[in-house]
Each structure stands twice: as structure tokens, then as C-alpha cells.
């Protein structure tokens, strides 16, 4: 089934009507979801029509429809890629065996943990971004924010379907708790630290969609290889929607870089802040902050959990079937640098135990493409500055380097030196206040805030001055 049934209360392409018990359970969850959306979704824009895309099929081409919709009326639903005939588990100890259509009993707890952790990130990001609409730099950006928000909501539905369909009472309880946790709440925070960070400015939003959503991309790529077929089919379609989120981040930061470069060209002897732009070294500090936070999302460099998930066929490597020949990874290893007795020491680790680090390295390589894109903008304006990714040892809270201190190049430093130089490497409170001071809304058609350049083109062939949100 590829076409989506929009005649149902819950749009879906999984023939939900054939399982009345499951349908009733999800329809009971739906009002709680809508209540959460009203409380924690985008603030004060419920009545406005937004030019949004909605999935109408799961085919690679022609899957999206664009039109005006009020966000609370957005048709969130359950969309899986079509089932592949005779699909086999692509990796691990069961490689080559038929993929599972039901949850194997011995892996029930691990699969539930994987799904809940992924699911928890989706509402968390909506909560983090809920107030940004009030300071949007343009209608184009406001629309993109709302598109990201409603699709994160749909990704929550994707995971909740799996919990309800395959995990019974435990799954229903987990689905309820997904709506009870809150980003940044000291008593009931979201599971992963990055998703409790405040996003108070559009610069943070662009960095988040560039770096944190890119982590989401690689986590979904690993899950898209899963031997549990419903999870693989679900995450493959999520990746289709996720691509726009990465576009928003990469081009958003790029437009900030462009505007700063324009100001530097117009006023070569002035601080860009005197003309309402964001200095390039400050942008570099935001890169340091968000990249280091996102590096923690992959967990420890050496992980028995990662090894066990791979062995069981639950979570593979990104592009497992396309990129690798040995899908068991029993005879390979990876060199990991550990920090022991004040020095870095190389150690060879069985590859299965190093899969978190392998995925992180692929993520870092993908990030570099965005950094290169921003540097090409600077080259175009003849600006003598180069953005760089921080070394993955920098500012880590999780993994082998947590508790130790390194500069952005990865060199060991003392705790005192790190604290003394923190303001050189990470945004200070005063710098964050400056960025906040720029966040003044510009919601007139065809207008844009002075700290960011307009996009090269609009959405779905529309011009920049299109009425993306009807205010």
C-alpha cells in the first residue's frame, strides 16, 4: 500500500482499519497528542494558514502536496515505505535470514529502548523551538520553521505507531510518557541532553537543524537497515522528510554568513555588530557549541550496547547494504584514541564495539560538506576567514573524553585553562545577548531582517515575497 488513506481519522498507508483494536488505541492517543501540540507546539499561530507540504504517498517522486493548512489541522499520520518482498536481515549474526515482521521476544527490551529514544527527540525539538515564531526574520523562514515542526510531530506518530502496534501495554505506556516529558524540565527532561538545550534564537535554530538534525539523519540511516522490518520501512520514509530540515539549517547559516560578508565588504573597517550583523568568530563559537553537543549524541566511542545491537540485527551501519561487503564485522577493528594519564593513547578495538564512533566519523564527514559550503560563500566575498569543525574531543560530556579538557583542535588542556579560555571557544552570555537583540520579527511580505540574507529561491517554485504564512 503506497497511497495514503486520508479518509481515516488517522491518515495511514498501513491498513489501520483492519486492526480495530490498534485503531481505537491510536485514536485514544490522538487527543492527548493534540493537547500536547496546543500546549507545547508553536506558540500563538494556531489560527494562521501556513503553506505546508503534506505527504500524499511514499513514492520517491511526487510524494508531497503543497497547500495552506492551519497547523492543528495538519493531517499527522502513519506512513511506511512499501514492504520489500523476501527482505533479509542485512547484517549481524543473523545476516541473510528473513527480516522480522514481529518483534523477537529476546530483543523486545532493546528494540523498545531504541524506538523510544528516537521517538523522544521528535517532540523535544518542537518544544525547544516553540517561541521562535515571534522573532522570525521573514515569512519564508517562519514557514520553514513550521514545516520542520509539523514533520517532527509526524515522526513522533511514526514511532508511536510502532510502540502501539508491536509492544502492547508497555508500548502504550511509553507513548503516553512521550507526551509527559518536557525539554529542559529539571524533573522530567527529555532523554538526550542536546534536546534539553534552549533554542532562544534563530541562529541556534539554524545550527540545530544543521547539526542536530544531521545526527538524526545518521541515526535514521542506521535504523533503516534494521532486521525489524517495520522499523526499517518507517525510518526510510522519515529520511525523505528529514532532508528539508537539513536544507533549512545549512542554507540558513549560509545566509547569515552571506549577510555578514556583505556588511564586511560595505564597512571594511567596522565591527559587523555596529551594522547589525553577526561576526564570523562568533558564528564559529556557535559551531563549536552545537557540534560538540551533537557529538555526544552518538554515545561512547567504545560501546557494548552498539555491539549487541549490531549482532542482533537491530541497528546497523549507515548505508550497510550499499557500502560494506562484510556484514558481520567480526574480523575487523578500528583504532580509537583514549586519554589516559594525561596523554592520548591509540588502541585497536573490535569494530562491533566501535560502531558508535564509526557512525560519528561519518556524521563529521557529512558536517564538513556544510562547513565547506559556508567557506565557499566567504571565498566569493574575498573574506579571509575559514570555518572549522571542532575536534571531536572538544567539550564532550559523554564518552571517553568526558571529564577531560581539550581545546577545539583536540589538544589536552587543564581544567583551569579550559575555564579561562571558555569565552574564546564558546559563546559568552554577552554574545548570546547580542544575538538575542537581533531577533526582531520581520513578518511583512518580501521583507527580511538585517542580520540574514534572503534565500536564492523560494519554496516549491514560489518567489521569496510569496505569502508563506497568512497573518
Protein backbone atom coordinates (compact mmCIF):
# COMPACT_ATOMS: atom_id res chain seq x y z
CA UNK A 1 0.00 0.00 0.00
CA UNK A 2 1.70 3.25 -1.15
CA UNK A 3 -1.11 5.77 -1.39
CA UNK A 4 -2.12 7.32 1.91
CA UNK A 5 -5.69 6.91 3.14
CA UNK A 6 -6.82 10.40 4.15
CA UNK A 7 -10.41 9.34 4.70
CA UNK A 8 -9.45 7.81 8.05
CA UNK A 9 -9.33 9.76 11.29
CA UNK A 10 -5.60 8.95 11.33
CA UNK A 11 -4.12 9.11 7.81
CA UNK A 12 -2.11 5.98 7.09
CA UNK A 13 -0.87 3.53 4.49
CA UNK A 14 -0.75 0.54 6.87
CA UNK A 15 -4.41 -0.51 6.53
CA UNK A 16 -5.12 0.64 10.07
CA UNK A 17 -8.85 -0.02 9.63
CA UNK A 18 -8.19 -3.77 9.50
CA UNK A 19 -6.97 -3.77 13.13
CA UNK A 20 -9.79 -2.21 15.12
CA UNK A 21 -8.08 -2.66 18.47
CA UNK A 22 -4.96 -0.84 17.31
CA UNK A 23 -7.04 1.81 15.59
CA UNK A 24 -9.00 2.51 18.78
CA UNK A 25 -5.80 2.70 20.85
CA UNK A 26 -4.24 5.25 18.49
CA UNK A 27 -7.45 7.24 18.29
CA UNK A 28 -7.40 7.45 22.09
CA UNK A 29 -3.80 8.72 21.95
CA UNK A 30 -4.63 11.31 19.29
CA UNK A 31 -6.46 13.80 21.59
CA UNK A 32 -3.55 13.70 24.04
CA UNK A 33 -1.19 14.46 21.17
CA UNK A 34 -3.30 17.42 20.06
CA UNK A 35 -3.44 18.69 23.64
CA UNK A 36 0.38 18.45 23.78
CA UNK A 37 0.60 20.33 20.46
CA UNK A 38 -1.62 23.15 21.75
CA UNK A 39 0.44 23.40 24.94
CA UNK A 40 3.97 22.88 23.60
CA UNK A 41 3.80 23.40 19.81
CA UNK A 42 4.41 26.72 18.03
CA UNK A 43 3.08 29.46 20.26
CA UNK A 44 0.18 31.69 19.10
CA UNK A 45 -0.02 30.67 15.43
CA UNK A 46 -2.75 28.01 15.61
CA UNK A 47 -5.26 30.11 13.67
CA UNK A 48 -2.93 31.07 10.82
CA UNK A 49 -2.86 29.28 7.49
CA UNK A 50 0.64 28.10 6.55
CA UNK A 51 1.90 26.98 3.15
CA UNK A 52 2.97 23.45 4.11
CA UNK A 53 3.78 20.24 2.32
CA UNK A 54 1.91 17.07 3.22
CA UNK A 55 2.76 13.52 2.22
CA UNK A 56 0.24 12.05 -0.23
CA UNK A 57 2.18 8.85 -0.99
CA UNK A 58 5.50 7.23 -0.15
CA UNK A 59 6.74 7.03 -3.73
CA UNK A 60 10.18 8.60 -4.33
CA UNK A 61 8.73 11.13 -6.76
CA UNK A 62 5.54 13.09 -6.32
CA UNK A 63 5.07 12.19 -2.66
CA UNK A 64 4.43 15.74 -1.42
CA UNK A 65 1.49 18.10 -1.82
CA UNK A 66 1.76 21.83 -1.00
CA UNK A 67 -1.11 23.93 0.24
CA UNK A 68 -2.42 26.13 3.03
CA UNK A 69 -3.34 24.48 6.30
CA UNK A 70 -3.71 25.52 9.94
CA UNK A 71 -1.15 23.59 11.94
CA UNK A 72 -3.58 22.00 14.45
CA UNK A 73 -5.47 20.68 11.39
CA UNK A 74 -2.36 19.18 9.79
CA UNK A 75 -3.07 15.53 8.94
CA UNK A 76 -0.44 13.76 11.00
CA UNK A 77 -0.33 10.11 10.15
CA UNK A 78 1.48 6.80 9.79
CA UNK A 79 3.47 6.26 6.61
CA UNK A 80 5.76 3.30 5.90
CA UNK A 81 7.65 2.52 2.73
CA UNK A 82 6.22 -0.43 0.80
CA UNK A 83 7.27 -3.83 2.04
CA UNK A 84 10.15 -5.35 0.13
CA UNK A 85 9.41 -8.93 -0.90
CA UNK A 86 11.65 -11.53 0.73
CA UNK A 87 13.75 -8.90 2.55
CA UNK A 88 16.66 -10.36 4.50
CA UNK A 89 18.42 -9.16 7.64
CA UNK A 90 21.39 -7.28 6.15
CA UNK A 91 23.95 -7.53 8.97
CA UNK A 92 24.96 -9.10 12.26
CA UNK A 93 24.76 -12.67 13.48
CA UNK A 94 21.50 -13.28 11.58
CA UNK A 95 22.63 -11.77 8.28
CA UNK A 96 20.84 -13.41 5.37
CA UNK A 97 17.92 -14.71 7.42
CA UNK A 98 14.38 -13.39 6.71
CA UNK A 99 13.72 -9.97 8.21
CA UNK A 100 11.33 -9.91 11.17
CA UNK A 101 7.76 -8.71 10.79
CA UNK A 102 7.21 -9.08 14.52
CA UNK A 103 9.46 -8.28 17.49
CA UNK A 104 11.66 -11.21 18.54
CA UNK A 105 10.96 -11.82 22.23
CA UNK A 106 14.61 -11.83 23.27
CA UNK A 107 15.16 -8.38 21.73
CA UNK A 108 11.94 -6.78 22.85
CA UNK A 109 13.51 -4.54 25.53
CA UNK A 110 16.37 -3.41 23.29
CA UNK A 111 14.08 -2.56 20.38
CA UNK A 112 11.72 -0.66 22.63
CA UNK A 113 14.64 1.33 24.04
CA UNK A 114 15.89 2.19 20.54
CA UNK A 115 12.44 3.29 19.36
CA UNK A 116 11.64 5.31 22.48
CA UNK A 117 14.98 7.15 22.37
CA UNK A 118 14.40 8.10 18.73
CA UNK A 119 10.77 8.99 19.39
CA UNK A 120 11.67 11.25 22.31
CA UNK A 121 13.77 13.54 20.11
CA UNK A 122 10.83 14.43 17.88
CA UNK A 123 8.53 16.28 20.36
CA UNK A 124 11.60 17.60 22.17
CA UNK A 125 12.70 19.69 19.19
CA UNK A 126 9.20 21.13 18.78
CA UNK A 127 9.26 22.16 22.44
CA UNK A 128 12.69 23.73 22.07
CA UNK A 129 11.52 25.82 19.11
CA UNK A 130 8.01 26.75 20.23
CA UNK A 131 8.62 30.50 20.74
CA UNK A 132 10.73 31.18 17.64
CA UNK A 133 7.76 32.23 15.53
CA UNK A 134 7.60 35.52 17.43
CA UNK A 135 11.06 36.57 16.18
CA UNK A 136 11.09 35.18 12.64
CA UNK A 137 13.36 37.10 10.23
CA UNK A 138 10.92 36.62 7.31
CA UNK A 139 7.70 34.86 6.31
CA UNK A 140 9.82 32.40 4.32
CA UNK A 141 11.73 31.41 7.47
CA UNK A 142 8.55 31.31 9.56
CA UNK A 143 7.06 28.84 7.11
CA UNK A 144 10.20 26.68 7.19
CA UNK A 145 10.12 26.60 10.98
CA UNK A 146 6.53 25.42 10.95
CA UNK A 147 7.28 22.80 8.27
CA UNK A 148 10.03 21.39 10.47
CA UNK A 149 7.71 21.44 13.48
CA UNK A 150 4.79 19.59 11.90
CA UNK A 151 7.12 16.98 10.40
CA UNK A 152 8.78 16.35 13.75
CA UNK A 153 5.26 15.79 15.02
CA UNK A 154 4.66 13.31 12.20
CA UNK A 155 7.88 11.49 13.04
CA UNK A 156 6.58 11.13 16.58
CA UNK A 157 3.47 9.49 15.12
CA UNK A 158 5.69 7.12 13.15
CA UNK A 159 7.41 5.88 16.29
CA UNK A 160 4.23 5.81 18.37
CA UNK A 161 2.62 3.55 15.79
CA UNK A 162 5.46 1.06 16.27
CA UNK A 163 5.11 1.22 20.04
CA UNK A 164 1.34 0.65 19.91
CA UNK A 165 1.41 -1.98 17.19
CA UNK A 166 4.27 -4.14 18.40
CA UNK A 167 4.77 -3.59 22.15
CA UNK A 168 1.31 -3.91 23.68
CA UNK A 169 0.71 -2.37 27.11
CA UNK A 170 4.38 -1.42 27.53
CA UNK A 171 4.30 0.40 24.20
CA UNK A 172 1.11 2.29 25.07
CA UNK A 173 2.64 3.44 28.36
CA UNK A 174 5.81 4.57 26.59
CA UNK A 175 3.69 6.53 24.09
CA UNK A 176 1.94 8.32 26.92
CA UNK A 177 5.24 9.20 28.58
CA UNK A 178 6.49 10.74 25.32
CA UNK A 179 3.87 13.44 25.83
CA UNK A 180 4.68 13.89 29.52
CA UNK A 181 8.40 14.63 29.35
CA UNK A 182 9.39 18.22 28.55
CA UNK A 183 12.54 19.67 27.01
CA UNK A 184 14.59 21.41 29.70
CA UNK A 185 12.31 20.36 32.55
CA UNK A 186 14.54 19.56 35.56
CA UNK A 187 12.11 16.94 36.86
CA UNK A 188 11.06 15.24 33.62
CA UNK A 189 13.62 16.17 30.96
CA UNK A 190 13.97 14.68 27.52
CA UNK A 191 16.21 11.61 27.32
CA UNK A 192 19.17 13.10 25.41
CA UNK A 193 20.99 16.20 26.69
CA UNK A 194 21.08 18.10 23.38
CA UNK A 195 17.28 18.04 23.30
CA UNK A 196 17.13 19.90 26.59
CA UNK A 197 19.24 22.81 25.36
CA UNK A 198 17.31 26.07 24.98
CA UNK A 199 16.82 27.38 21.43
CA UNK A 200 16.15 31.05 22.02
CA UNK A 201 17.40 32.50 18.73
CA UNK A 202 17.15 31.73 15.05
CA UNK A 203 20.91 31.29 14.92
CA UNK A 204 20.53 28.42 17.38
CA UNK A 205 17.65 27.05 15.29
CA UNK A 206 19.73 27.06 12.12
CA UNK A 207 22.65 25.43 13.93
CA UNK A 208 20.27 22.85 15.41
CA UNK A 209 18.74 21.93 12.06
CA UNK A 210 22.21 21.82 10.51
CA UNK A 211 23.95 19.70 13.14
CA UNK A 212 21.33 18.03 15.35
CA UNK A 213 19.01 17.08 12.52
CA UNK A 214 22.06 15.73 10.71
CA UNK A 215 22.66 13.47 13.70
CA UNK A 216 19.03 12.43 13.23
CA UNK A 217 19.79 11.61 9.62
CA UNK A 218 22.59 9.22 10.56
CA UNK A 219 20.64 7.60 13.38
CA UNK A 220 17.76 7.01 10.96
CA UNK A 221 20.15 5.64 8.33
CA UNK A 222 21.40 3.10 10.88
CA UNK A 223 17.83 2.15 11.84
CA UNK A 224 16.76 1.96 8.19
CA UNK A 225 18.97 -1.15 7.93
CA UNK A 226 17.27 -2.86 10.88
CA UNK A 227 16.30 -6.50 10.69
CA UNK A 228 12.99 -5.48 12.29
CA UNK A 229 11.31 -4.64 9.00
CA UNK A 230 8.58 -2.24 10.24
CA UNK A 231 11.26 -0.04 11.85
CA UNK A 232 13.35 -0.04 8.67
CA UNK A 233 10.36 0.86 6.49
CA UNK A 234 9.28 3.62 8.89
CA UNK A 235 12.67 5.32 9.13
CA UNK A 236 13.28 5.19 5.39
CA UNK A 237 10.30 7.44 4.77
CA UNK A 238 11.26 9.67 7.71
CA UNK A 239 14.56 10.28 5.92
CA UNK A 240 12.64 11.62 2.91
CA UNK A 241 11.07 14.31 5.10
CA UNK A 242 14.26 14.95 7.07
CA UNK A 243 16.12 16.25 4.02
CA UNK A 244 14.29 19.59 4.15
CA UNK A 245 15.28 20.09 7.78
CA UNK A 246 18.96 19.82 6.85
CA UNK A 247 18.40 22.22 3.96
CA UNK A 248 16.90 24.77 6.38
CA UNK A 249 19.97 24.54 8.63
CA UNK A 250 22.71 24.58 6.03
CA UNK A 251 21.22 27.37 3.91
CA UNK A 252 20.05 29.28 7.00
CA UNK A 253 23.54 29.53 8.45
CA UNK A 254 24.84 30.18 4.93
CA UNK A 255 22.54 33.20 4.61
CA UNK A 256 23.80 34.54 7.94
CA UNK A 257 27.37 34.10 6.70
CA UNK A 258 26.50 35.86 3.43
CA UNK A 259 24.94 38.84 5.20
CA UNK A 260 27.96 39.24 7.48
CA UNK A 261 30.27 39.07 4.44
CA UNK A 262 28.17 41.74 2.72
CA UNK A 263 28.45 44.01 5.75
CA UNK A 264 32.21 43.43 5.94
CA UNK A 265 32.53 44.40 2.27
CA UNK A 266 30.42 47.54 2.76
CA UNK A 267 32.15 48.54 6.02
CA UNK A 268 35.65 47.01 5.95
CA UNK A 269 36.94 48.95 8.95
CA UNK A 270 33.97 48.36 11.25
CA UNK A 271 32.90 45.65 13.66
CA UNK A 272 29.95 43.87 11.93
CA UNK A 273 27.98 44.32 15.16
CA UNK A 274 27.92 48.06 14.53
CA UNK A 275 25.77 47.30 11.49
CA UNK A 276 23.55 44.60 12.96
CA UNK A 277 25.42 41.56 11.63
CA UNK A 278 26.88 38.55 13.44
CA UNK A 279 30.71 38.43 13.48
CA UNK A 280 32.29 35.38 11.89
CA UNK A 281 34.27 34.40 15.03
CA UNK A 282 31.00 34.37 16.95
CA UNK A 283 29.44 32.08 14.34
CA UNK A 284 32.47 29.82 14.83
CA UNK A 285 31.73 29.67 18.58
CA UNK A 286 28.15 28.59 17.87
CA UNK A 287 29.54 25.88 15.60
CA UNK A 288 31.78 24.72 18.46
CA UNK A 289 28.83 24.60 20.85
CA UNK A 290 26.33 22.72 18.70
CA UNK A 291 28.79 20.29 17.10
CA UNK A 292 30.30 19.28 20.43
CA UNK A 293 26.83 18.77 21.91
CA UNK A 294 25.79 16.65 18.93
CA UNK A 295 28.96 14.56 19.06
CA UNK A 296 27.72 13.35 22.44
CA UNK A 297 24.52 12.01 20.84
CA UNK A 298 26.44 9.02 19.47
CA UNK A 299 27.38 7.80 22.93
CA UNK A 300 30.70 6.37 23.99
CA UNK A 301 33.40 5.64 21.44
CA UNK A 302 33.58 2.07 22.73
CA UNK A 303 30.18 0.54 23.42
CA UNK A 304 28.98 -2.97 24.21
CA UNK A 305 25.40 -1.83 23.54
CA UNK A 306 26.32 -0.84 19.98
CA UNK A 307 27.99 -4.23 19.52
CA UNK A 308 24.95 -6.06 20.85
CA UNK A 309 22.50 -4.09 18.69
CA UNK A 310 24.58 -4.88 15.61
CA UNK A 311 24.98 -8.55 16.47
CA UNK A 312 21.22 -8.88 16.96
CA UNK A 313 20.41 -7.15 13.66
CA UNK A 314 18.61 -4.26 15.37
CA UNK A 315 20.73 -1.26 14.30
CA UNK A 316 23.29 -1.36 11.52
CA UNK A 317 25.77 0.97 9.93
CA UNK A 318 24.67 3.83 7.70
CA UNK A 319 24.32 2.50 4.13
CA UNK A 320 25.08 -1.00 5.42
CA UNK A 321 23.96 -2.86 2.30
CA UNK A 322 25.43 -0.39 -0.21
CA UNK A 323 28.74 0.44 1.45
CA UNK A 324 30.04 -2.73 3.08
CA UNK A 325 30.92 -6.22 1.88
CA UNK A 326 31.48 -7.90 5.25
CA UNK A 327 28.14 -7.55 7.03
CA UNK A 328 29.16 -9.49 10.12
CA UNK A 329 32.08 -7.23 11.12
CA UNK A 330 33.66 -9.97 13.22
CA UNK A 331 37.23 -9.79 11.95
CA UNK A 332 37.68 -6.03 11.60
CA UNK A 333 38.87 -3.43 14.09
CA UNK A 334 39.16 0.33 14.48
CA UNK A 335 41.85 2.43 16.11
CA UNK A 336 40.42 4.58 18.91
CA UNK A 337 42.35 7.29 20.77
CA UNK A 338 41.89 7.13 24.51
CA UNK A 339 43.08 9.71 27.04
CA UNK A 340 44.99 8.02 29.83
CA UNK A 341 47.34 9.51 32.41
CA UNK A 342 47.30 12.88 30.70
CA UNK A 343 48.15 11.66 27.21
CA UNK A 344 46.42 10.30 24.13
CA UNK A 345 46.95 6.58 23.54
CA UNK A 346 45.87 4.65 20.43
CA UNK A 347 44.10 1.36 20.97
CA UNK A 348 42.73 -1.14 18.46
CA UNK A 349 39.12 -2.00 19.25
CA UNK A 350 36.92 -4.72 17.69
CA UNK A 351 34.79 -3.00 15.06
CA UNK A 352 31.49 -4.03 16.59
CA UNK A 353 32.43 -2.25 19.80
CA UNK A 354 33.43 0.87 17.84
CA UNK A 355 30.24 1.30 15.79
CA UNK A 356 29.19 4.44 17.66
CA UNK A 357 32.50 6.01 16.70
CA UNK A 358 32.19 4.80 13.11
CA UNK A 359 28.78 6.48 12.79
CA UNK A 360 30.12 9.65 14.46
CA UNK A 361 33.00 9.82 11.98
CA UNK A 362 30.60 9.55 9.05
CA UNK A 363 28.50 12.29 10.63
CA UNK A 364 31.59 14.50 10.97
CA UNK A 365 32.47 13.95 7.31
CA UNK A 366 28.96 14.97 6.31
CA UNK A 367 29.17 18.06 8.53
CA UNK A 368 32.35 19.06 6.72
CA UNK A 369 30.39 19.43 3.49
CA UNK A 370 28.30 22.13 5.17
CA UNK A 371 31.40 23.84 6.52
CA UNK A 372 32.88 23.80 3.00
CA UNK A 373 29.65 25.34 1.67
CA UNK A 374 29.90 28.24 4.14
CA UNK A 375 33.59 28.74 3.35
CA UNK A 376 32.80 28.99 -0.36
CA UNK A 377 30.47 31.88 0.47
CA UNK A 378 33.36 33.64 2.23
CA UNK A 379 35.62 32.97 -0.76
CA UNK A 380 33.04 34.57 -3.03
CA UNK A 381 33.27 37.75 -0.94
CA UNK A 382 37.08 37.54 -0.60
CA UNK A 383 36.81 37.27 3.19
CA UNK A 384 39.96 35.95 4.88
CA UNK A 385 38.31 33.61 7.38
CA UNK A 386 37.74 29.87 7.46
CA UNK A 387 35.12 28.00 9.45
CA UNK A 388 36.28 24.75 11.03
CA UNK A 389 34.69 21.85 12.85
CA UNK A 390 35.94 21.36 16.40
CA UNK A 391 37.90 18.22 17.14
CA UNK A 392 35.51 15.50 18.43
CA UNK A 393 37.35 15.55 21.78
CA UNK A 394 36.34 19.17 22.41
CA UNK A 395 33.75 19.96 25.09
CA UNK A 396 32.48 16.40 25.46
CA UNK A 397 30.14 15.32 28.27
CA UNK A 398 29.72 11.69 27.19
CA UNK A 399 32.27 9.10 26.12
CA UNK A 400 35.99 8.56 26.55
CA UNK A 401 36.79 12.29 26.68
CA UNK A 402 34.15 13.32 29.20
CA UNK A 403 35.74 14.73 32.33
CA UNK A 404 38.91 15.72 30.47
CA UNK A 405 39.54 19.03 28.72
CA UNK A 406 40.70 19.79 25.19
CA UNK A 407 40.91 22.87 23.01
CA UNK A 408 38.98 23.00 19.69
CA UNK A 409 41.98 21.43 17.92
CA UNK A 410 41.85 18.44 20.29
CA UNK A 411 44.94 19.31 22.31
CA UNK A 412 44.76 18.47 26.03
CA UNK A 413 44.44 21.45 28.36
CA UNK A 414 43.94 21.74 32.10
CA UNK A 415 40.56 22.41 33.63
CA UNK A 416 41.77 25.88 34.67
CA UNK A 417 42.92 26.73 31.15
CA UNK A 418 39.67 25.50 29.65
CA UNK A 419 37.62 27.64 32.02
CA UNK A 420 39.92 30.62 31.47
CA UNK A 421 39.60 30.34 27.70
CA UNK A 422 35.97 29.18 27.53
CA UNK A 423 34.93 32.58 26.21
CA UNK A 424 37.40 32.23 23.31
CA UNK A 425 35.81 28.98 22.20
CA UNK A 426 32.15 29.05 23.19
CA UNK A 427 29.53 31.85 23.12
CA UNK A 428 29.57 34.04 26.21
CA UNK A 429 26.42 35.29 27.92
CA UNK A 430 27.07 38.76 26.49
CA UNK A 431 27.45 37.37 22.98
CA UNK A 432 24.26 35.38 23.29
CA UNK A 433 22.51 38.54 24.48
CA UNK A 434 23.77 40.36 21.40
CA UNK A 435 22.36 37.66 19.10
CA UNK A 436 19.06 37.81 21.02
CA UNK A 437 18.95 41.57 20.49
CA UNK A 438 18.88 40.99 16.72
CA UNK A 439 15.85 38.73 16.95
CA UNK A 440 13.21 41.27 15.94
CA UNK A 441 10.34 39.90 13.84
CA UNK A 442 10.02 40.87 10.19
CA UNK A 443 6.71 39.47 9.00
CA UNK A 444 5.95 41.70 6.03
CA UNK A 445 5.87 40.00 2.63
CA UNK A 446 9.16 40.35 0.76
CA UNK A 447 10.99 41.85 3.76
CA UNK A 448 13.79 40.30 5.83
CA UNK A 449 15.79 41.08 8.95
CA UNK A 450 19.13 42.84 8.54
CA UNK A 451 21.27 40.07 10.05
CA UNK A 452 20.45 37.45 7.38
CA UNK A 453 20.38 37.43 3.58
CA UNK A 454 17.28 36.39 1.62
CA UNK A 455 17.24 32.91 0.08
CA UNK A 456 18.25 32.35 -3.54
CA UNK A 457 14.79 30.96 -4.30
CA UNK A 458 11.53 30.26 -2.53
CA UNK A 459 9.72 27.05 -1.64
CA UNK A 460 8.07 24.88 -4.30
CA UNK A 461 8.83 27.37 -7.05
CA UNK A 462 7.25 30.29 -5.21
CA UNK A 463 9.03 33.66 -5.02
CA UNK A 464 10.58 34.95 -1.81
CA UNK A 465 7.77 37.51 -1.42
CA UNK A 466 5.09 34.80 -1.54
CA UNK A 467 2.56 34.80 1.32
CA UNK A 468 4.04 31.75 3.06
CA UNK A 469 2.04 32.39 6.22
CA UNK A 470 -1.29 34.19 6.23
CA UNK A 471 -1.16 36.51 9.21
